[in-house]
Every structure is written in C-alpha cells, then in structure tokens.
C-alpha cells in the first residue's frame, strides 16, 4: 500500500471514530438510551396535584410512548472538509502568517524555538512596541551628561566679571568724576573709600555716585544671553523630574524646562549680587588698611 493510500485510510478511520463519538455525545445530550428516562410512568389521574388544587388542571390525553428510534446516523461531512491533522506544520505557519499579514520568512530577531504561532505573535507585539511613540515602561534611564567646561568655570567667570566691573568704577570712573567736581580737595582713592567705613556717602567730597546699577544689569544681560544662545550649560532638572519628563506632553516639557531656566537665572543673579556686595565690603576694608 502506498503512503498516500495509507494516509487516506488513516484519515477515514479517524473521521469515522470521531463521527461515532459525536453521535454518542448527541444521544447523551438528548437524553436518549438513558435508563432514567426510558421507563417513566405517567402520574395517576387520582393523585392530587397543584393544578387540581388551584383549579387550573387541563384534561389532556397522555401521548403514547414511542419506542427508541435507534442511534442517530453519523453526520454527513462535505468532501472538502478535512480533519484536525490534515494540515502540516508548514501549512499552519503559512496560515498564521496570512492572518497576521506578515512576511513569509521568520524575523531575524527570533530564534529557532520561536518560529511557531507564538513566536509570530511575539514578533508582532515587538514591532507594535517599536512603532509606538511612547517609550516602553521598563526602559533604562539615560545617565546624565557630564557638565561642560563652561559649566564648571561659570561661577569663576561671574566672579571675575563682577569684580572687574567694580574695580573699573572704583579706580577709573570714580576718580574722574571726583576731579570734575569744583572745589574738590586732593585726596587719594583709598582715602575716600576708607571714609565710607565711618561717614555717609552723601556728604560732600566723598565717593562720587555713578550709574553702577545699570552697568551691573547690562553685564548680567550679556552673561545670561551668552549662556542661553550658546547652550554651553544646559539646564539639568532633578533626578525624579528628569525621569518623568519623557512621559509628559511636549508642551508640558517645554514649560517645565523654561521655568527651570528662569529659576536658575534668578539664582545666578542673587549670587552675583552677593559677590558684588562682598567685593564692596572688601574694598572698604582694604582701603582702611592702605590709608593708614
């Protein structure tokens, strides 16, 4: 017997066995051939029932008990219907690929053990996760970038700029303004600055008032504009906020980043004011020692 004939005979045997089981299940579901239902005696006419007590009893003839019709004939199967083992593994894989609209080849990321329907489903879920714009929930957080050289030297740059501006006003512009006053006495710069330790600056022939505030504001605008436009020192949010920023909408991320930038600018302005006040006090203290 050839292999094709053997397969056909095996298929017919499986189909006939399945038909017998199906007929038995159908008979059991109908309640046929069961001893509990074959010898059912009708109730006696004189037995009191609920219908007779209420008065709703209807006199109907008892239907005759028909003999069992025999086992149900097996279901007729169409010639084009096949059994559960008619498709090979390759045909099942091709059918799954056609359902998922995938390529006929196995994705390269899958191993030899993931070529079945489960592997195809995993590949589809992987591609859907790659196409999503939201980052996966278990992605590893990127380490923070190392601070740049300008970020490390920024406090020193602001310190030197503030003290250089103070020195320019104290030792260059202020003596010129003092010499231009009529009737001014001959005195050194150190003496005038040393007098601020015990006398008011509003008294005549002292340190001359100059538009130092506007010069300081201009210097701050130059420093902060250089930092913003060059982006040498980008703002670094706190750790928890940095982990939550990628999951926020773009508008919320932009607002939070701008707020952090302005908060840092305000902090730098306060630091520069503190540096400037400390420099003025240091200048007065040094002048008191030099003028002795």
C-alpha atoms as a PDB file:
ATOM      1  CA  UNK A   1       0.000   0.000   0.000  1.00  0.00           C
ATOM      2  CA  UNK A   2       1.385   3.379  -0.944  1.00  0.00           C
ATOM      3  CA  UNK A   3       1.894   6.203   1.525  1.00  0.00           C
ATOM      4  CA  UNK A   4      -0.966   8.231   0.004  1.00  0.00           C
ATOM      5  CA  UNK A   5      -3.406   5.336   0.361  1.00  0.00           C
ATOM      6  CA  UNK A   6      -2.246   4.741   3.927  1.00  0.00           C
ATOM      7  CA  UNK A   7      -2.822   8.384   4.819  1.00  0.00           C
ATOM      8  CA  UNK A   8      -6.286   8.298   3.223  1.00  0.00           C
ATOM      9  CA  UNK A   9      -7.228   5.153   5.134  1.00  0.00           C
ATOM     10  CA  UNK A  10      -5.954   6.653   8.373  1.00  0.00           C
ATOM     11  CA  UNK A  11      -7.938   9.821   7.757  1.00  0.00           C
ATOM     12  CA  UNK A  12     -11.150   7.862   7.102  1.00  0.00           C
ATOM     13  CA  UNK A  13     -10.631   5.826  10.255  1.00  0.00           C
ATOM     14  CA  UNK A  14     -10.160   8.986  12.324  1.00  0.00           C
ATOM     15  CA  UNK A  15     -13.254  10.561  10.766  1.00  0.00           C
ATOM     16  CA  UNK A  16     -15.409   7.508  11.426  1.00  0.00           C
ATOM     17  CA  UNK A  17     -14.187   7.297  15.013  1.00  0.00           C
ATOM     18  CA  UNK A  18     -14.982  10.960  15.510  1.00  0.00           C
ATOM     19  CA  UNK A  19     -18.449  10.504  13.999  1.00  0.00           C
ATOM     20  CA  UNK A  20     -19.217   7.638  16.393  1.00  0.00           C
ATOM     21  CA  UNK A  21     -18.152   9.733  19.356  1.00  0.00           C
ATOM     22  CA  UNK A  22     -20.195  12.667  18.134  1.00  0.00           C
ATOM     23  CA  UNK A  23     -23.315  10.519  17.746  1.00  0.00           C
ATOM     24  CA  UNK A  24     -22.885   9.165  21.265  1.00  0.00           C
ATOM     25  CA  UNK A  25     -22.498  12.673  22.643  1.00  0.00           C
ATOM     26  CA  UNK A  26     -25.596  13.808  20.744  1.00  0.00           C
ATOM     27  CA  UNK A  27     -27.658  10.904  22.064  1.00  0.00           C
ATOM     28  CA  UNK A  28     -26.491  11.584  25.614  1.00  0.00           C
ATOM     29  CA  UNK A  29     -27.346  15.274  25.261  1.00  0.00           C
ATOM     30  CA  UNK A  30     -30.870  14.415  24.077  1.00  0.00           C
ATOM     31  CA  UNK A  31     -31.380  12.013  26.957  1.00  0.00           C
ATOM     32  CA  UNK A  32     -31.944   9.017  24.741  1.00  0.00           C
ATOM     33  CA  UNK A  33     -30.978   5.483  25.805  1.00  0.00           C
ATOM     34  CA  UNK A  34     -30.820   6.566  29.413  1.00  0.00           C
ATOM     35  CA  UNK A  35     -32.472   4.230  31.982  1.00  0.00           C
ATOM     36  CA  UNK A  36     -33.773   7.168  33.985  1.00  0.00           C
ATOM     37  CA  UNK A  37     -35.931   8.333  31.094  1.00  0.00           C
ATOM     38  CA  UNK A  38     -36.967   5.094  29.341  1.00  0.00           C
ATOM     39  CA  UNK A  39     -39.411   3.809  31.967  1.00  0.00           C
ATOM     40  CA  UNK A  40     -41.170   6.950  33.058  1.00  0.00           C
ATOM     41  CA  UNK A  41     -44.610   6.148  34.434  1.00  0.00           C
ATOM     42  CA  UNK A  42     -47.269   8.802  33.968  1.00  0.00           C
ATOM     43  CA  UNK A  43     -48.833  10.138  37.149  1.00  0.00           C
ATOM     44  CA  UNK A  44     -52.117   8.636  38.219  1.00  0.00           C
ATOM     45  CA  UNK A  45     -55.260  10.540  37.480  1.00  0.00           C
ATOM     46  CA  UNK A  46     -56.472  10.462  41.071  1.00  0.00           C
ATOM     47  CA  UNK A  47     -53.267  11.799  42.617  1.00  0.00           C
ATOM     48  CA  UNK A  48     -53.739  15.321  43.974  1.00  0.00           C
ATOM     49  CA  UNK A  49     -51.615  17.867  42.177  1.00  0.00           C
ATOM     50  CA  UNK A  50     -51.080  21.590  42.411  1.00  0.00           C
ATOM     51  CA  UNK A  51     -53.104  22.182  39.261  1.00  0.00           C
ATOM     52  CA  UNK A  52     -56.106  20.310  40.638  1.00  0.00           C
ATOM     53  CA  UNK A  53     -55.880  22.171  43.946  1.00  0.00           C
ATOM     54  CA  UNK A  54     -55.808  25.576  42.274  1.00  0.00           C
ATOM     55  CA  UNK A  55     -58.366  24.626  39.669  1.00  0.00           C
ATOM     56  CA  UNK A  56     -56.214  25.037  36.625  1.00  0.00           C
ATOM     57  CA  UNK A  57     -55.945  21.389  35.666  1.00  0.00           C
ATOM     58  CA  UNK A  58     -56.481  20.734  31.985  1.00  0.00           C
ATOM     59  CA  UNK A  59     -57.723  17.372  30.799  1.00  0.00           C
ATOM     60  CA  UNK A  60     -55.324  16.357  28.075  1.00  0.00           C
ATOM     61  CA  UNK A  61     -54.742  12.867  26.715  1.00  0.00           C
ATOM     62  CA  UNK A  62     -51.406  11.329  27.583  1.00  0.00           C
ATOM     63  CA  UNK A  63     -49.215  10.988  24.495  1.00  0.00           C
ATOM     64  CA  UNK A  64     -48.186   7.449  23.687  1.00  0.00           C
ATOM     65  CA  UNK A  65     -44.632   6.404  24.448  1.00  0.00           C
ATOM     66  CA  UNK A  66     -42.801   5.774  21.225  1.00  0.00           C
ATOM     67  CA  UNK A  67     -40.035   3.233  21.040  1.00  0.00           C
ATOM     68  CA  UNK A  68     -36.462   4.380  20.640  1.00  0.00           C
ATOM     69  CA  UNK A  69     -35.675   5.276  17.082  1.00  0.00           C
ATOM     70  CA  UNK A  70     -32.160   3.901  17.385  1.00  0.00           C
ATOM     71  CA  UNK A  71     -28.824   5.617  17.243  1.00  0.00           C
ATOM     72  CA  UNK A  72     -28.582   8.851  15.350  1.00  0.00           C
ATOM     73  CA  UNK A  73     -26.902   8.411  11.973  1.00  0.00           C
ATOM     74  CA  UNK A  74     -23.469   9.942  11.723  1.00  0.00           C
ATOM     75  CA  UNK A  75     -23.245  13.451  10.416  1.00  0.00           C
ATOM     76  CA  UNK A  76     -22.567  13.804   6.742  1.00  0.00           C
ATOM     77  CA  UNK A  77     -19.392  15.674   6.071  1.00  0.00           C
ATOM     78  CA  UNK A  78     -18.679  17.509   2.916  1.00  0.00           C
ATOM     79  CA  UNK A  79     -15.988  16.281   0.651  1.00  0.00           C
ATOM     80  CA  UNK A  80     -13.894  19.441   1.062  1.00  0.00           C
ATOM     81  CA  UNK A  81     -13.868  19.340   4.935  1.00  0.00           C
ATOM     82  CA  UNK A  82     -10.666  17.977   6.448  1.00  0.00           C
ATOM     83  CA  UNK A  83      -9.744  16.606   9.839  1.00  0.00           C
ATOM     84  CA  UNK A  84      -7.640  18.262  12.524  1.00  0.00           C
ATOM     85  CA  UNK A  85      -4.461  16.536  11.353  1.00  0.00           C
ATOM     86  CA  UNK A  86      -4.881  17.188   7.628  1.00  0.00           C
ATOM     87  CA  UNK A  87      -2.657  20.339   7.665  1.00  0.00           C
ATOM     88  CA  UNK A  88       1.027  20.018   8.155  1.00  0.00           C
ATOM     89  CA  UNK A  89       3.104  22.294  10.389  1.00  0.00           C
ATOM     90  CA  UNK A  90       4.310  24.317   7.390  1.00  0.00           C
ATOM     91  CA  UNK A  91       0.735  24.899   6.197  1.00  0.00           C
ATOM     92  CA  UNK A  92      -0.338  26.040   9.673  1.00  0.00           C
ATOM     93  CA  UNK A  93       2.557  28.503   9.789  1.00  0.00           C
ATOM     94  CA  UNK A  94       1.635  29.873   6.366  1.00  0.00           C
ATOM     95  CA  UNK A  95      -1.968  30.295   7.521  1.00  0.00           C
ATOM     96  CA  UNK A  96      -0.871  32.201  10.628  1.00  0.00           C
ATOM     97  CA  UNK A  97       1.371  34.451   8.537  1.00  0.00           C
ATOM     98  CA  UNK A  98      -1.517  35.196   6.192  1.00  0.00           C
ATOM     99  CA  UNK A  99      -3.769  36.105   9.141  1.00  0.00           C
ATOM    100  CA  UNK A 100      -1.213  38.464  10.664  1.00  0.00           C
ATOM    101  CA  UNK A 101      -0.250  39.927   7.267  1.00  0.00           C
ATOM    102  CA  UNK A 102       3.391  39.209   7.994  1.00  0.00           C
ATOM    103  CA  UNK A 103       6.290  38.321   5.790  1.00  0.00           C
ATOM    104  CA  UNK A 104       6.612  34.657   4.817  1.00  0.00           C
ATOM    105  CA  UNK A 105      10.006  34.444   6.484  1.00  0.00           C
ATOM    106  CA  UNK A 106      10.739  34.312  10.198  1.00  0.00           C
ATOM    107  CA  UNK A 107      12.025  37.610  11.615  1.00  0.00           C
ATOM    108  CA  UNK A 108      15.791  37.567  12.200  1.00  0.00           C
ATOM    109  CA  UNK A 109      15.379  38.515  15.857  1.00  0.00           C
ATOM    110  CA  UNK A 110      13.604  35.230  16.633  1.00  0.00           C
ATOM    111  CA  UNK A 111      15.393  32.019  17.463  1.00  0.00           C
ATOM    112  CA  UNK A 112      14.757  28.522  16.188  1.00  0.00           C
ATOM    113  CA  UNK A 113      12.310  27.857  19.002  1.00  0.00           C
ATOM    114  CA  UNK A 114      10.139  30.913  18.205  1.00  0.00           C
ATOM    115  CA  UNK A 115       9.091  30.067  14.671  1.00  0.00           C
ATOM    116  CA  UNK A 116       5.586  28.870  15.622  1.00  0.00           C
ATOM    117  CA  UNK A 117       2.414  30.904  16.062  1.00  0.00           C
ATOM    118  CA  UNK A 118       3.549  32.109  19.497  1.00  0.00           C
ATOM    119  CA  UNK A 119       6.784  33.425  18.027  1.00  0.00           C
ATOM    120  CA  UNK A 120       4.889  35.217  15.258  1.00  0.00           C
ATOM    121  CA  UNK A 121       2.641  36.855  17.865  1.00  0.00           C
ATOM    122  CA  UNK A 122       5.665  37.923  19.899  1.00  0.00           C
ATOM    123  CA  UNK A 123       7.258  39.430  16.801  1.00  0.00           C
ATOM    124  CA  UNK A 124       4.078  41.378  16.031  1.00  0.00           C
ATOM    125  CA  UNK A 125       3.897  42.750  19.573  1.00  0.00           C
ATOM    126  CA  UNK A 126       7.569  43.701  19.378  1.00  0.00           C
ATOM    127  CA  UNK A 127       7.006  45.642  16.146  1.00  0.00           C
ATOM    128  CA  UNK A 128       3.981  47.399  17.644  1.00  0.00           C
ATOM    129  CA  UNK A 129       6.073  48.433  20.631  1.00  0.00           C
ATOM    130  CA  UNK A 130       8.808  49.754  18.350  1.00  0.00           C
ATOM    131  CA  UNK A 131       6.340  51.854  16.344  1.00  0.00           C
ATOM    132  CA  UNK A 132       4.795  53.418  19.425  1.00  0.00           C
ATOM    133  CA  UNK A 133       5.850  56.974  20.225  1.00  0.00           C
ATOM    134  CA  UNK A 134       5.670  56.488  23.954  1.00  0.00           C
ATOM    135  CA  UNK A 135       8.816  54.985  25.499  1.00  0.00           C
ATOM    136  CA  UNK A 136       8.451  51.471  26.946  1.00  0.00           C
ATOM    137  CA  UNK A 137       7.796  51.462  30.666  1.00  0.00           C
ATOM    138  CA  UNK A 138      10.862  49.407  31.571  1.00  0.00           C
ATOM    139  CA  UNK A 139      13.469  51.313  29.551  1.00  0.00           C
ATOM    140  CA  UNK A 140      16.696  52.084  31.320  1.00  0.00           C
ATOM    141  CA  UNK A 141      17.137  55.764  32.163  1.00  0.00           C
ATOM    142  CA  UNK A 142      19.914  57.515  30.312  1.00  0.00           C
ATOM    143  CA  UNK A 143      22.798  58.621  32.557  1.00  0.00           C
ATOM    144  CA  UNK A 144      23.076  62.402  32.976  1.00  0.00           C
ATOM    145  CA  UNK A 145      25.564  64.117  30.716  1.00  0.00           C
ATOM    146  CA  UNK A 146      28.833  65.249  32.235  1.00  0.00           C
ATOM    147  CA  UNK A 147      29.000  69.007  32.945  1.00  0.00           C
ATOM    148  CA  UNK A 148      30.874  71.014  30.342  1.00  0.00           C
ATOM    149  CA  UNK A 149      33.986  73.095  30.970  1.00  0.00           C
ATOM    150  CA  UNK A 150      31.986  76.314  30.894  1.00  0.00           C
ATOM    151  CA  UNK A 151      29.574  74.867  33.470  1.00  0.00           C
ATOM    152  CA  UNK A 152      32.489  74.243  35.817  1.00  0.00           C
ATOM    153  CA  UNK A 153      34.057  77.673  35.233  1.00  0.00           C
ATOM    154  CA  UNK A 154      30.798  79.667  35.231  1.00  0.00           C
ATOM    155  CA  UNK A 155      30.960  80.764  38.914  1.00  0.00           C
ATOM    156  CA  UNK A 156      34.545  81.932  38.397  1.00  0.00           C
ATOM    157  CA  UNK A 157      33.571  83.840  35.226  1.00  0.00           C
ATOM    158  CA  UNK A 158      30.751  85.661  37.041  1.00  0.00           C
ATOM    159  CA  UNK A 159      33.034  86.438  39.980  1.00  0.00           C
ATOM    160  CA  UNK A 160      35.757  87.920  37.783  1.00  0.00           C
ATOM    161  CA  UNK A 161      33.236  89.877  35.682  1.00  0.00           C
ATOM    162  CA  UNK A 162      31.526  91.439  38.724  1.00  0.00           C
ATOM    163  CA  UNK A 163      34.757  92.363  40.469  1.00  0.00           C
ATOM    164  CA  UNK A 164      36.288  93.698  37.255  1.00  0.00           C
ATOM    165  CA  UNK A 165      33.279  95.993  36.801  1.00  0.00           C
ATOM    166  CA  UNK A 166      33.575  97.154  40.420  1.00  0.00           C
ATOM    167  CA  UNK A 167      37.305  97.819  40.039  1.00  0.00           C
ATOM    168  CA  UNK A 168      36.731  99.786  36.824  1.00  0.00           C
ATOM    169  CA  UNK A 169      34.193 102.064  38.525  1.00  0.00           C
ATOM    170  CA  UNK A 170      36.186 102.409  41.765  1.00  0.00           C
ATOM    171  CA  UNK A 171      39.635 103.124  40.311  1.00  0.00           C
ATOM    172  CA  UNK A 172      38.840 104.707  36.931  1.00  0.00           C
ATOM    173  CA  UNK A 173      35.419 106.340  36.628  1.00  0.00           C
ATOM    174  CA  UNK A 174      35.032 107.481  40.232  1.00  0.00           C
ATOM    175  CA  UNK A 175      38.355 109.442  40.345  1.00  0.00           C
ATOM    176  CA  UNK A 176      37.410 111.165  37.081  1.00  0.00           C
ATOM    177  CA  UNK A 177      34.011 112.153  38.487  1.00  0.00           C
ATOM    178  CA  UNK A 178      35.653 113.409  41.719  1.00  0.00           C
ATOM    179  CA  UNK A 179      38.205 115.512  39.839  1.00  0.00           C
ATOM    180  CA  UNK A 180      35.462 117.120  37.746  1.00  0.00           C
ATOM    181  CA  UNK A 181      33.707 118.467  40.872  1.00  0.00           C
ATOM    182  CA  UNK A 182      34.508 122.188  41.520  1.00  0.00           C
ATOM    183  CA  UNK A 183      36.378 122.852  44.761  1.00  0.00           C
ATOM    184  CA  UNK A 184      37.337 119.219  45.278  1.00  0.00           C
ATOM    185  CA  UNK A 185      40.231 118.542  47.608  1.00  0.00           C
ATOM    186  CA  UNK A 186      43.229 116.495  46.701  1.00  0.00           C
ATOM    187  CA  UNK A 187      42.745 113.029  48.174  1.00  0.00           C
ATOM    188  CA  UNK A 188      43.549 109.524  47.125  1.00  0.00           C
ATOM    189  CA  UNK A 189      41.061 106.909  46.067  1.00  0.00           C
ATOM    190  CA  UNK A 190      41.863 104.749  49.091  1.00  0.00           C
ATOM    191  CA  UNK A 191      41.103 107.607  51.499  1.00  0.00           C
ATOM    192  CA  UNK A 192      37.674 108.246  50.017  1.00  0.00           C
ATOM    193  CA  UNK A 193      36.746 104.566  50.102  1.00  0.00           C
ATOM    194  CA  UNK A 194      38.115 104.209  53.630  1.00  0.00           C
ATOM    195  CA  UNK A 195      35.888 107.080  54.794  1.00  0.00           C
ATOM    196  CA  UNK A 196      32.819 105.013  53.876  1.00  0.00           C
ATOM    197  CA  UNK A 197      33.584 102.928  56.956  1.00  0.00           C
ATOM    198  CA  UNK A 198      32.586 105.741  59.341  1.00  0.00           C
ATOM    199  CA  UNK A 199      30.883 108.521  57.312  1.00  0.00           C
ATOM    200  CA  UNK A 200      27.936 108.714  54.951  1.00  0.00           C
ATOM    201  CA  UNK A 201      28.476 108.724  51.223  1.00  0.00           C
ATOM    202  CA  UNK A 202      26.038 111.639  50.876  1.00  0.00           C
ATOM    203  CA  UNK A 203      28.465 114.077  52.487  1.00  0.00           C
ATOM    204  CA  UNK A 204      30.425 116.203  50.017  1.00  0.00           C
ATOM    205  CA  UNK A 205      33.917 115.422  48.863  1.00  0.00           C
ATOM    206  CA  UNK A 206      33.449 111.685  49.285  1.00  0.00           C
ATOM    207  CA  UNK A 207      32.941 108.814  46.848  1.00  0.00           C
ATOM    208  CA  UNK A 208      31.015 110.151  43.875  1.00  0.00           C
ATOM    209  CA  UNK A 209      27.723 108.496  42.838  1.00  0.00           C
ATOM    210  CA  UNK A 210      27.859 106.762  39.480  1.00  0.00           C
ATOM    211  CA  UNK A 211      25.324 104.739  37.376  1.00  0.00           C
ATOM    212  CA  UNK A 212      26.806 101.479  38.585  1.00  0.00           C
ATOM    213  CA  UNK A 213      23.435  99.694  38.837  1.00  0.00           C
ATOM    214  CA  UNK A 214      22.691  99.986  35.119  1.00  0.00           C
ATOM    215  CA  UNK A 215      26.182  98.842  34.270  1.00  0.00           C
ATOM    216  CA  UNK A 216      25.696  95.798  36.504  1.00  0.00           C
ATOM    217  CA  UNK A 217      22.319  94.992  34.861  1.00  0.00           C
ATOM    218  CA  UNK A 218      23.920  95.270  31.410  1.00  0.00           C
ATOM    219  CA  UNK A 219      26.689  92.898  32.466  1.00  0.00           C
ATOM    220  CA  UNK A 220      24.125  90.362  33.692  1.00  0.00           C
ATOM    221  CA  UNK A 221      22.194  90.557  30.417  1.00  0.00           C
ATOM    222  CA  UNK A 222      25.382  89.909  28.456  1.00  0.00           C
ATOM    223  CA  UNK A 223      26.381  86.917  30.592  1.00  0.00           C
ATOM    224  CA  UNK A 224      22.946  85.279  30.562  1.00  0.00           C
ATOM    225  CA  UNK A 225      22.387  85.916  26.848  1.00  0.00           C
ATOM    226  CA  UNK A 226      25.735  84.314  26.059  1.00  0.00           C
ATOM    227  CA  UNK A 227      24.801  81.265  28.119  1.00  0.00           C
ATOM    228  CA  UNK A 228      21.325  80.917  26.545  1.00  0.00           C
ATOM    229  CA  UNK A 229      22.329  81.337  22.898  1.00  0.00           C
ATOM    230  CA  UNK A 230      25.488  79.208  23.042  1.00  0.00           C
ATOM    231  CA  UNK A 231      23.845  76.438  25.151  1.00  0.00           C
ATOM    232  CA  UNK A 232      27.163  75.651  26.754  1.00  0.00           C
ATOM    233  CA  UNK A 233      25.494  74.967  30.102  1.00  0.00           C
ATOM    234  CA  UNK A 234      22.051  73.354  29.532  1.00  0.00           C
ATOM    235  CA  UNK A 235      19.702  73.137  32.446  1.00  0.00           C
ATOM    236  CA  UNK A 236      19.733  69.824  34.320  1.00  0.00           C
ATOM    237  CA  UNK A 237      16.457  69.041  36.128  1.00  0.00           C
ATOM    238  CA  UNK A 238      16.383  66.990  39.337  1.00  0.00           C
ATOM    239  CA  UNK A 239      16.586  63.217  39.073  1.00  0.00           C
ATOM    240  CA  UNK A 240      12.901  62.444  39.676  1.00  0.00           C
ATOM    241  CA  UNK A 241      11.784  65.213  37.335  1.00  0.00           C
ATOM    242  CA  UNK A 242      14.235  64.052  34.659  1.00  0.00           C
ATOM    243  CA  UNK A 243      12.719  60.548  34.832  1.00  0.00           C
ATOM    244  CA  UNK A 244       9.184  61.924  34.430  1.00  0.00           C
ATOM    245  CA  UNK A 245       9.886  64.436  31.625  1.00  0.00           C
ATOM    246  CA  UNK A 246       9.942  61.888  28.730  1.00  0.00           C
ATOM    247  CA  UNK A 247       6.408  60.756  29.626  1.00  0.00           C
ATOM    248  CA  UNK A 248       4.922  64.286  29.607  1.00  0.00           C
ATOM    249  CA  UNK A 249       3.444  66.063  26.564  1.00  0.00           C
ATOM    250  CA  UNK A 250       5.805  68.327  24.575  1.00  0.00           C
ATOM    251  CA  UNK A 251       4.060  71.491  25.807  1.00  0.00           C
ATOM    252  CA  UNK A 252       4.456  70.492  29.456  1.00  0.00           C
ATOM    253  CA  UNK A 253       8.118  69.596  28.890  1.00  0.00           C
ATOM    254  CA  UNK A 254       8.784  72.990  27.284  1.00  0.00           C
ATOM    255  CA  UNK A 255       7.069  74.887  30.102  1.00  0.00           C
ATOM    256  CA  UNK A 256       8.933  72.982  32.810  1.00  0.00           C
ATOM    257  CA  UNK A 257      12.291  73.454  31.059  1.00  0.00           C
ATOM    258  CA  UNK A 258      11.756  77.208  30.627  1.00  0.00           C
ATOM    259  CA  UNK A 259      10.711  77.590  34.261  1.00  0.00           C
ATOM    260  CA  UNK A 260      13.883  75.790  35.359  1.00  0.00           C
ATOM    261  CA  UNK A 261      15.977  78.085  33.129  1.00  0.00           C
ATOM    262  CA  UNK A 262      14.484  81.250  34.655  1.00  0.00           C
ATOM    263  CA  UNK A 263      14.807  79.885  38.183  1.00  0.00           C
ATOM    264  CA  UNK A 264      18.495  79.215  37.561  1.00  0.00           C
ATOM    265  CA  UNK A 265      18.952  82.704  36.094  1.00  0.00           C
ATOM    266  CA  UNK A 266      17.372  84.253  39.193  1.00  0.00           C
ATOM    267  CA  UNK A 267      19.660  82.197  41.423  1.00  0.00           C
ATOM    268  CA  UNK A 268      22.716  83.311  39.455  1.00  0.00           C
ATOM    269  CA  UNK A 269      21.614  86.961  39.742  1.00  0.00           C
ATOM    270  CA  UNK A 270      21.310  86.631  43.522  1.00  0.00           C
ATOM    271  CA  UNK A 271      24.768  85.039  43.655  1.00  0.00           C
ATOM    272  CA  UNK A 272      26.280  87.875  41.617  1.00  0.00           C
ATOM    273  CA  UNK A 273      24.656  90.470  43.889  1.00  0.00           C
ATOM    274  CA  UNK A 274      26.129  88.712  46.918  1.00  0.00           C
ATOM    275  CA  UNK A 275      29.540  88.638  45.221  1.00  0.00           C
ATOM    276  CA  UNK A 276      29.271  92.362  44.419  1.00  0.00           C
ATOM    277  CA  UNK A 277      28.305  93.343  47.983  1.00  0.00           C
ATOM    278  CA  UNK A 278      31.149  91.235  49.331  1.00  0.00           C
ATOM    279  CA  UNK A 279      33.548  92.954  46.904  1.00  0.00           C
ATOM    280  CA  UNK A 280      32.459  96.444  48.032  1.00  0.00           C
ATOM    281  CA  UNK A 281      32.959  95.482  51.669  1.00  0.00           C
ATOM    282  CA  UNK A 282      36.353  94.003  50.875  1.00  0.00           C
ATOM    283  CA  UNK A 283      37.343  97.211  49.040  1.00  0.00           C
ATOM    284  CA  UNK A 284      36.360  99.404  52.017  1.00  0.00           C
ATOM    285  CA  UNK A 285      38.217  97.123  54.439  1.00  0.00           C
ATOM    286  CA  UNK A 286      41.369  97.115  52.285  1.00  0.00           C
ATOM    287  CA  UNK A 287      41.190 100.926  51.864  1.00  0.00           C
ATOM    288  CA  UNK A 288      41.100 101.398  55.634  1.00  0.00           C
ATOM    289  CA  UNK A 289      44.373  99.478  55.920  1.00  0.00           C
ATOM    290  CA  UNK A 290      46.056 101.201  52.975  1.00  0.00           C
ATOM    291  CA  UNK A 291      45.109 104.753  54.013  1.00  0.00           C
ATOM    292  CA  UNK A 292      46.645 104.430  57.486  1.00  0.00           C
END
